[in-house]
Amino acid sequence: MIKFPIAECQFCGSELFFRKTELKGVAHEYYYANGDYANEGENSGLYDELVYTPRKRWYCADCEKYLFTFGDDW
């Protein structure tokens, strides 16, 4: 669990925050011969080889305003 420096958005009161995360890599998507996407099982590791680089700026999920910078020192 992350302990944020604020409990809610100071602009709209929302308690839901987000940060942007950069993703790099190659993923394998599996489809059946009839063209249907293979949801479970075959695609369970779809994101395993991606490199995630989370940014430190956090935003309100409702009004999308910048709220605070928070990162490596959690």
N, C-alpha and C. Protein backbone atom coordinates (compact mmCIF):
# COMPACT_ATOMS: atom_id res chain seq x y z
N MET A 1 0.84 -1.17 0.00
CA MET A 1 0.00 0.00 0.00
C MET A 1 0.89 1.24 0.00
N ILE A 2 0.46 2.27 -0.71
CA ILE A 2 1.18 3.53 -0.78
C ILE A 2 0.52 4.53 0.16
N LYS A 3 1.33 5.25 0.91
CA LYS A 3 0.83 6.31 1.81
C LYS A 3 1.03 7.65 1.09
N PHE A 4 -0.06 8.20 0.56
CA PHE A 4 0.01 9.45 -0.17
C PHE A 4 0.10 10.65 0.76
N PRO A 5 0.64 11.77 0.28
CA PRO A 5 0.74 12.97 1.12
C PRO A 5 -0.60 13.70 1.30
N ILE A 6 -1.61 13.33 0.52
CA ILE A 6 -2.95 13.92 0.68
C ILE A 6 -3.99 12.81 0.66
N ALA A 7 -5.16 13.07 1.21
CA ALA A 7 -6.22 12.06 1.28
C ALA A 7 -7.26 12.23 0.18
N GLU A 8 -7.31 13.43 -0.41
CA GLU A 8 -8.29 13.69 -1.48
C GLU A 8 -7.80 14.84 -2.34
N CYS A 9 -8.38 14.95 -3.53
CA CYS A 9 -8.06 16.05 -4.44
C CYS A 9 -8.51 17.37 -3.84
N GLN A 10 -7.60 18.34 -3.80
CA GLN A 10 -7.95 19.64 -3.24
C GLN A 10 -8.85 20.46 -4.17
N PHE A 11 -9.05 19.99 -5.41
CA PHE A 11 -9.88 20.72 -6.37
C PHE A 11 -11.32 20.19 -6.42
N CYS A 12 -11.47 18.83 -6.39
CA CYS A 12 -12.81 18.27 -6.55
C CYS A 12 -13.21 17.28 -5.44
N GLY A 13 -12.26 16.91 -4.59
CA GLY A 13 -12.57 16.00 -3.49
C GLY A 13 -12.46 14.52 -3.80
N SER A 14 -12.07 14.17 -5.01
CA SER A 14 -11.95 12.76 -5.39
C SER A 14 -10.87 12.07 -4.56
N GLU A 15 -11.06 10.79 -4.30
CA GLU A 15 -10.08 9.99 -3.57
C GLU A 15 -9.35 9.01 -4.49
N LEU A 16 -9.49 9.21 -5.80
CA LEU A 16 -8.86 8.33 -6.78
C LEU A 16 -7.80 9.11 -7.55
N PHE A 17 -6.55 8.62 -7.51
CA PHE A 17 -5.43 9.29 -8.15
C PHE A 17 -4.84 8.39 -9.23
N PHE A 18 -4.07 8.98 -10.16
CA PHE A 18 -3.33 8.17 -11.14
C PHE A 18 -2.00 8.83 -11.44
N ARG A 19 -1.09 8.02 -11.93
CA ARG A 19 0.18 8.52 -12.45
C ARG A 19 0.38 7.92 -13.83
N LYS A 20 1.14 8.57 -14.64
CA LYS A 20 1.44 8.06 -15.96
C LYS A 20 2.61 7.08 -15.83
N THR A 21 2.55 6.00 -16.58
CA THR A 21 3.58 4.99 -16.56
C THR A 21 4.00 4.71 -17.99
N GLU A 22 5.30 4.78 -18.24
CA GLU A 22 5.82 4.51 -19.56
C GLU A 22 6.06 3.00 -19.68
N LEU A 23 5.63 2.43 -20.79
CA LEU A 23 5.80 0.99 -21.04
C LEU A 23 6.62 0.80 -22.30
N LYS A 24 7.63 -0.07 -22.22
CA LYS A 24 8.45 -0.39 -23.39
C LYS A 24 8.62 -1.89 -23.47
N GLY A 25 8.65 -2.39 -24.70
CA GLY A 25 8.88 -3.81 -24.88
C GLY A 25 8.03 -4.38 -26.00
N VAL A 26 8.04 -5.68 -26.07
CA VAL A 26 7.29 -6.41 -27.10
C VAL A 26 6.42 -7.44 -26.39
N ALA A 27 5.18 -7.53 -26.82
CA ALA A 27 4.25 -8.50 -26.24
C ALA A 27 3.75 -9.43 -27.35
N HIS A 28 3.43 -10.64 -26.97
CA HIS A 28 2.85 -11.60 -27.91
C HIS A 28 1.36 -11.69 -27.62
N GLU A 29 0.54 -11.36 -28.64
CA GLU A 29 -0.92 -11.51 -28.53
C GLU A 29 -1.32 -12.77 -29.28
N TYR A 30 -2.12 -13.59 -28.65
CA TYR A 30 -2.52 -14.85 -29.27
C TYR A 30 -3.98 -14.80 -29.73
N TYR A 31 -4.21 -15.35 -30.92
CA TYR A 31 -5.55 -15.45 -31.51
C TYR A 31 -5.75 -16.87 -32.02
N TYR A 32 -6.98 -17.30 -31.99
CA TYR A 32 -7.32 -18.60 -32.56
C TYR A 32 -7.44 -18.48 -34.08
N ALA A 33 -7.39 -19.61 -34.77
CA ALA A 33 -7.43 -19.63 -36.23
C ALA A 33 -8.69 -18.99 -36.79
N ASN A 34 -9.79 -18.97 -36.02
CA ASN A 34 -11.03 -18.35 -36.50
C ASN A 34 -11.06 -16.83 -36.29
N GLY A 35 -9.96 -16.27 -35.71
CA GLY A 35 -9.87 -14.83 -35.51
C GLY A 35 -10.24 -14.35 -34.13
N ASP A 36 -10.76 -15.24 -33.27
CA ASP A 36 -11.13 -14.86 -31.90
C ASP A 36 -9.88 -14.63 -31.05
N TYR A 37 -9.93 -13.59 -30.23
CA TYR A 37 -8.84 -13.29 -29.30
C TYR A 37 -8.80 -14.35 -28.20
N ALA A 38 -7.64 -14.87 -27.89
CA ALA A 38 -7.48 -15.88 -26.85
C ALA A 38 -7.35 -15.17 -25.50
N ASN A 39 -8.47 -14.99 -24.81
CA ASN A 39 -8.50 -14.22 -23.57
C ASN A 39 -7.72 -14.84 -22.43
N GLU A 40 -8.17 -15.92 -21.93
CA GLU A 40 -7.58 -16.55 -20.75
C GLU A 40 -6.48 -17.54 -21.17
N GLY A 41 -5.58 -17.79 -20.29
CA GLY A 41 -4.56 -18.80 -20.52
C GLY A 41 -3.47 -18.37 -21.48
N GLU A 42 -3.74 -18.42 -22.76
CA GLU A 42 -2.73 -18.13 -23.77
C GLU A 42 -2.16 -16.71 -23.65
N ASN A 43 -2.98 -15.74 -23.27
CA ASN A 43 -2.52 -14.36 -23.16
C ASN A 43 -2.26 -13.92 -21.72
N SER A 44 -2.16 -14.88 -20.81
CA SER A 44 -1.97 -14.52 -19.41
C SER A 44 -0.63 -13.81 -19.17
N GLY A 45 0.38 -14.07 -19.99
CA GLY A 45 1.69 -13.44 -19.83
C GLY A 45 1.92 -12.29 -20.79
N LEU A 46 0.86 -11.70 -21.29
CA LEU A 46 0.95 -10.68 -22.33
C LEU A 46 1.90 -9.54 -21.96
N TYR A 47 1.90 -9.12 -20.71
CA TYR A 47 2.70 -7.96 -20.30
C TYR A 47 3.95 -8.33 -19.52
N ASP A 48 4.27 -9.61 -19.42
CA ASP A 48 5.39 -10.06 -18.60
C ASP A 48 6.74 -9.47 -19.02
N GLU A 49 6.96 -9.26 -20.30
CA GLU A 49 8.26 -8.79 -20.77
C GLU A 49 8.32 -7.29 -20.97
N LEU A 50 7.31 -6.56 -20.57
CA LEU A 50 7.34 -5.10 -20.70
C LEU A 50 8.10 -4.47 -19.54
N VAL A 51 8.78 -3.38 -19.83
CA VAL A 51 9.49 -2.63 -18.81
C VAL A 51 8.62 -1.45 -18.40
N TYR A 52 8.28 -1.37 -17.11
CA TYR A 52 7.43 -0.32 -16.59
C TYR A 52 8.31 0.76 -15.95
N THR A 53 8.09 2.02 -16.36
CA THR A 53 8.79 3.14 -15.75
C THR A 53 7.73 4.12 -15.25
N PRO A 54 7.35 4.02 -13.98
CA PRO A 54 6.33 4.92 -13.45
C PRO A 54 6.89 6.33 -13.26
N ARG A 55 6.09 7.31 -13.59
CA ARG A 55 6.48 8.71 -13.37
C ARG A 55 6.11 9.12 -11.96
N LYS A 56 6.64 10.23 -11.50
CA LYS A 56 6.46 10.66 -10.12
C LYS A 56 5.32 11.65 -9.92
N ARG A 57 4.79 12.20 -10.99
CA ARG A 57 3.71 13.18 -10.87
C ARG A 57 2.36 12.46 -10.80
N TRP A 58 1.57 12.81 -9.81
CA TRP A 58 0.25 12.19 -9.60
C TRP A 58 -0.85 13.20 -9.91
N TYR A 59 -1.97 12.68 -10.45
CA TYR A 59 -3.09 13.49 -10.89
C TYR A 59 -4.40 12.97 -10.30
N CYS A 60 -5.39 13.81 -10.29
CA CYS A 60 -6.73 13.41 -9.88
C CYS A 60 -7.38 12.63 -11.02
N ALA A 61 -7.96 11.48 -10.72
CA ALA A 61 -8.60 10.66 -11.74
C ALA A 61 -9.89 11.28 -12.27
N ASP A 62 -10.52 12.18 -11.49
CA ASP A 62 -11.78 12.78 -11.92
C ASP A 62 -11.58 14.09 -12.68
N CYS A 63 -10.86 15.05 -12.09
CA CYS A 63 -10.69 16.34 -12.75
C CYS A 63 -9.37 16.43 -13.52
N GLU A 64 -8.49 15.43 -13.37
CA GLU A 64 -7.22 15.30 -14.07
C GLU A 64 -6.23 16.43 -13.79
N LYS A 65 -6.39 17.13 -12.68
CA LYS A 65 -5.45 18.19 -12.32
C LYS A 65 -4.26 17.59 -11.59
N TYR A 66 -3.09 18.22 -11.78
CA TYR A 66 -1.88 17.78 -11.10
C TYR A 66 -2.05 17.99 -9.61
N LEU A 67 -1.67 16.98 -8.81
CA LEU A 67 -1.85 17.06 -7.36
C LEU A 67 -0.54 17.15 -6.60
N PHE A 68 0.41 16.25 -6.89
CA PHE A 68 1.66 16.23 -6.14
C PHE A 68 2.70 15.38 -6.86
N THR A 69 3.95 15.51 -6.44
CA THR A 69 5.04 14.68 -6.93
C THR A 69 5.41 13.72 -5.83
N PHE A 70 5.51 12.45 -6.18
CA PHE A 70 5.71 11.43 -5.17
C PHE A 70 6.33 10.23 -5.85
N GLY A 71 7.42 9.67 -5.30
CA GLY A 71 8.02 8.56 -6.02
C GLY A 71 8.96 7.71 -5.23
N ASP A 72 10.26 7.83 -5.50
CA ASP A 72 11.27 6.91 -5.01
C ASP A 72 11.34 6.76 -3.50
N ASP A 73 10.90 7.75 -2.74
CA ASP A 73 11.05 7.72 -1.29
C ASP A 73 9.85 7.15 -0.56
N TRP A 74 9.05 6.27 -1.17
CA TRP A 74 7.87 5.71 -0.52
C TRP A 74 8.32 4.87 0.60
